[in-house]
Amino acid sequence: MALCASTSQTVGPFFHLGLSQLNLAEVAGLQATGERITLEGAVLDGDRKAVPDALVEIWQANAHGKYAHEVDTQEKPLEPGFRGYGRMATSPDGGFRFYTIRPGRVPGPQGTLQAPHLEVCVFMRGLLKHLVTRVYFEDDPAHADDFVLNLIEPARRATLIAQKAEAGESVYRWNILLQGQDETVFFDV
C-alpha cells in the first residue's frame, strides 16, 4: 500500500489513511437515551456543486441538555455511549451523515433555554479559518425563544433549519451552502 498525501491546500495536506481514522459518524451509542435521528446533507459551493474534500464536525448536548465535556457542570445525567461529537469527511458527492439523538435544550443567556441544536464546524480547501454554524430541527416550538436564532434576520433563519426527509421518519436533511443565494448563516467566533 502506498501512502500519498492529499494535494497541498490551505488546511492540508493530510494523509487520508490517518485522517479517515478520525471519522466518527455515530455520535450517540445505543446506551444513550433520546429520540434517535440521522442528520444527512451535503456541502455545496456557490454554484451548488459538491465539495468532495470538506470535513464536517458536529458538537451537541445529550437528550437531557448536557454536553459530554468537563466545563458543563450542570447536574444532569451523562450516559455511557454518548460522545457528543462527530466528524465526517464529505463523500465525492459532498455528502455527510451522522447518527445521533435529538439534543435537549441547553442554558442560554440570562437564564433562558436554547432550542435543540447542533454546533457545526466546516473545514475545507481555501479556508484559512473554519466555518461555524448551527443546525436546528424543523417545527420545534422552542425556535421562537432561541437567543441565537433570533439574532438572525427572519428571511435567513431557514438556512439553519434541517427538514424531515419524509413524514414520520427520523431522518433530517440539511445542506451547507457556502456562497450565493440561500448561503448558510455562519458565525464569527
Protein backbone atom coordinates (compact mmCIF):
# COMPACT_ATOMS: atom_id res chain seq x y z
CA MET A 1 0.00 0.00 0.00
CA ALA A 2 1.39 3.39 -0.95
CA LEU A 3 0.83 6.34 1.37
CA CYS A 4 0.23 9.51 -0.58
CA ALA A 5 -0.53 12.88 0.90
CA SER A 6 -3.53 14.78 -0.39
CA THR A 7 -2.76 17.77 -2.55
CA SER A 8 -1.37 20.76 -0.74
CA GLN A 9 -4.20 23.01 0.38
CA THR A 10 -4.83 25.69 2.95
CA VAL A 11 -5.84 23.09 5.54
CA GLY A 12 -3.72 20.22 4.22
CA PRO A 13 -2.08 18.12 3.05
CA PHE A 14 -3.48 15.21 5.02
CA PHE A 15 -2.67 11.55 4.78
CA HIS A 16 -6.07 10.07 4.02
CA LEU A 17 -5.20 6.85 5.83
CA GLY A 18 -4.65 8.70 9.13
CA LEU A 19 -7.46 11.18 8.66
CA SER A 20 -10.12 8.57 7.96
CA GLN A 21 -9.47 7.01 11.37
CA LEU A 22 -10.77 10.24 12.91
CA ASN A 23 -14.15 9.90 11.16
CA LEU A 24 -16.93 9.35 13.64
CA ALA A 25 -20.49 9.17 12.32
CA GLU A 26 -22.02 7.55 15.44
CA VAL A 27 -22.38 10.40 17.93
CA ALA A 28 -24.64 8.65 20.43
CA GLY A 29 -24.21 4.96 21.19
CA LEU A 30 -27.09 2.60 21.88
CA GLN A 31 -26.93 3.21 25.66
CA ALA A 32 -27.75 6.91 25.21
CA THR A 33 -31.41 7.75 25.70
CA GLY A 34 -33.41 10.06 23.49
CA GLU A 35 -35.03 10.21 20.08
CA ARG A 36 -32.71 8.58 17.55
CA ILE A 37 -32.16 10.73 14.46
CA THR A 38 -29.98 10.82 11.37
CA LEU A 39 -28.66 14.11 10.04
CA GLU A 40 -27.62 13.99 6.41
CA GLY A 41 -26.76 16.58 3.84
CA ALA A 42 -24.09 17.90 1.53
CA VAL A 43 -21.53 20.69 1.43
CA LEU A 44 -22.15 22.72 -1.73
CA ASP A 45 -20.23 25.62 -3.26
CA GLY A 46 -21.69 28.83 -4.70
CA ASP A 47 -22.61 27.06 -7.96
CA ARG A 48 -24.39 24.31 -5.98
CA LYS A 49 -21.63 21.85 -6.88
CA ALA A 50 -20.49 19.26 -4.37
CA VAL A 51 -17.40 19.91 -2.26
CA PRO A 52 -15.87 16.42 -2.10
CA ASP A 53 -12.98 17.25 0.24
CA ALA A 54 -14.54 19.08 3.18
CA LEU A 55 -14.62 17.94 6.79
CA VAL A 56 -17.81 18.44 8.84
CA GLU A 57 -17.73 18.31 12.64
CA ILE A 58 -20.73 18.43 14.95
CA TRP A 59 -20.96 19.01 18.71
CA GLN A 60 -24.13 18.59 20.71
CA ALA A 61 -25.73 18.10 24.11
CA ASN A 62 -27.44 14.85 25.06
CA ALA A 63 -31.22 14.44 25.38
CA HIS A 64 -31.06 15.95 28.89
CA GLY A 65 -29.28 19.10 27.66
CA LYS A 66 -25.81 18.21 28.98
CA TYR A 67 -22.57 18.30 26.97
CA ALA A 68 -20.01 15.50 27.30
CA HIS A 69 -17.33 17.97 28.38
CA GLU A 70 -15.87 18.83 31.77
CA VAL A 71 -16.84 22.50 31.50
CA ASP A 72 -20.53 21.54 31.54
CA THR A 73 -21.12 21.36 35.29
CA GLN A 74 -24.92 21.07 35.14
CA GLU A 75 -26.37 18.45 37.46
CA LYS A 76 -27.87 16.45 34.62
CA PRO A 77 -27.11 12.84 33.68
CA LEU A 78 -24.41 11.96 31.17
CA GLU A 79 -24.96 8.47 29.84
CA PRO A 80 -22.42 5.90 28.68
CA GLY A 81 -22.07 5.78 24.92
CA PHE A 82 -22.85 9.45 24.39
CA ARG A 83 -19.86 11.14 22.74
CA GLY A 84 -21.50 14.43 21.81
CA TYR A 85 -19.08 14.81 18.93
CA GLY A 86 -18.85 13.60 15.35
CA ARG A 87 -16.57 14.22 12.37
CA MET A 88 -17.01 13.11 8.76
CA ALA A 89 -15.14 13.82 5.57
CA THR A 90 -17.54 14.53 2.74
CA SER A 91 -18.07 11.92 0.05
CA PRO A 92 -17.42 12.55 -3.67
CA ASP A 93 -20.95 13.98 -3.91
CA GLY A 94 -20.27 16.34 -0.98
CA GLY A 95 -22.40 14.23 1.35
CA PHE A 96 -22.14 13.64 5.07
CA ARG A 97 -24.26 11.63 7.54
CA PHE A 98 -24.38 11.48 11.34
CA TYR A 99 -26.31 9.08 13.59
CA THR A 100 -27.24 10.62 16.90
CA ILE A 101 -30.07 11.62 19.20
CA ARG A 102 -32.11 14.78 19.21
CA PRO A 103 -30.37 17.06 21.71
CA GLY A 104 -32.08 18.59 24.72
CA ARG A 105 -32.27 22.29 25.48
CA VAL A 106 -29.17 23.88 26.96
CA PRO A 107 -28.84 27.08 29.01
CA GLY A 108 -28.68 30.35 27.14
CA PRO A 109 -28.02 33.93 28.21
CA GLN A 110 -29.82 35.42 31.22
CA GLY A 111 -31.36 32.14 32.37
CA THR A 112 -33.08 31.34 29.06
CA LEU A 113 -33.00 27.99 27.30
CA GLN A 114 -31.78 27.47 23.74
CA ALA A 115 -33.72 25.41 21.22
CA PRO A 116 -32.30 21.93 20.48
CA HIS A 117 -29.44 22.35 18.03
CA LEU A 118 -26.09 21.02 16.86
CA GLU A 119 -22.94 23.13 16.63
CA VAL A 120 -21.28 22.63 13.23
CA CYS A 121 -17.72 23.35 12.02
CA VAL A 122 -16.68 23.06 8.38
CA PHE A 123 -13.05 22.72 7.29
CA MET A 124 -12.11 22.72 3.60
CA ARG A 125 -9.72 23.88 0.94
CA GLY A 126 -9.31 27.59 0.53
CA LEU A 127 -10.37 28.40 4.08
CA LEU A 128 -7.84 29.95 6.41
CA LYS A 129 -10.31 29.62 9.27
CA HIS A 130 -13.04 27.03 9.72
CA LEU A 131 -16.70 27.98 9.32
CA VAL A 132 -19.01 27.77 12.33
CA THR A 133 -22.76 27.46 12.18
CA ARG A 134 -25.68 25.67 13.84
CA VAL A 135 -28.43 23.37 12.71
CA TYR A 136 -31.89 23.34 14.31
CA PHE A 137 -34.79 20.96 13.65
CA GLU A 138 -37.98 21.89 11.79
CA ASP A 139 -41.21 22.60 13.64
CA ASP A 140 -39.63 22.98 17.08
CA PRO A 141 -41.70 25.46 19.11
CA ALA A 142 -38.54 26.43 21.05
CA HIS A 143 -37.24 28.31 17.97
CA ALA A 144 -39.32 31.33 18.96
CA ASP A 145 -37.36 31.70 22.22
CA ASP A 146 -33.86 30.83 20.99
CA PHE A 147 -31.46 33.73 21.61
CA VAL A 148 -29.08 32.91 18.74
CA LEU A 149 -31.76 32.13 16.17
CA ASN A 150 -33.49 35.41 16.98
CA LEU A 151 -30.28 37.36 16.22
CA ILE A 152 -30.63 36.30 12.58
CA GLU A 153 -32.93 38.17 10.23
CA PRO A 154 -36.09 36.08 9.68
CA ALA A 155 -35.52 35.57 5.95
CA ARG A 156 -32.15 33.88 6.63
CA ARG A 157 -33.17 31.60 9.54
CA ALA A 158 -34.31 28.83 7.19
CA THR A 159 -30.67 28.19 6.23
CA LEU A 160 -30.16 26.75 9.73
CA ILE A 161 -33.25 24.51 9.86
CA ALA A 162 -32.97 20.81 8.99
CA GLN A 163 -36.10 19.39 7.34
CA LYS A 164 -37.50 15.91 7.86
CA ALA A 165 -36.74 13.79 4.82
CA GLU A 166 -40.19 12.16 4.96
CA ALA A 167 -43.09 12.46 7.34
CA GLY A 168 -42.82 10.04 10.24
CA GLU A 169 -39.12 9.32 9.67
CA SER A 170 -36.28 10.33 11.93
CA VAL A 171 -34.01 11.46 9.08
CA TYR A 172 -33.31 15.18 8.82
CA ARG A 173 -31.84 16.76 5.70
CA TRP A 174 -29.69 19.89 5.82
CA ASN A 175 -27.25 21.23 3.22
CA ILE A 176 -24.40 23.59 3.91
CA LEU A 177 -24.32 26.22 1.16
CA LEU A 178 -21.01 28.08 1.16
CA GLN A 179 -21.96 31.06 -1.04
CA GLY A 180 -24.71 32.58 -3.12
CA GLN A 181 -28.44 32.75 -2.73
CA ASP A 182 -29.58 30.98 0.46
CA GLU A 183 -25.99 30.80 1.75
CA THR A 184 -25.91 29.14 5.18
CA VAL A 185 -25.58 31.62 8.04
CA PHE A 186 -22.07 31.38 9.52
CA PHE A 187 -20.94 32.91 12.81
CA ASP A 188 -17.77 34.76 13.77
CA VAL A 189 -16.23 33.07 16.78
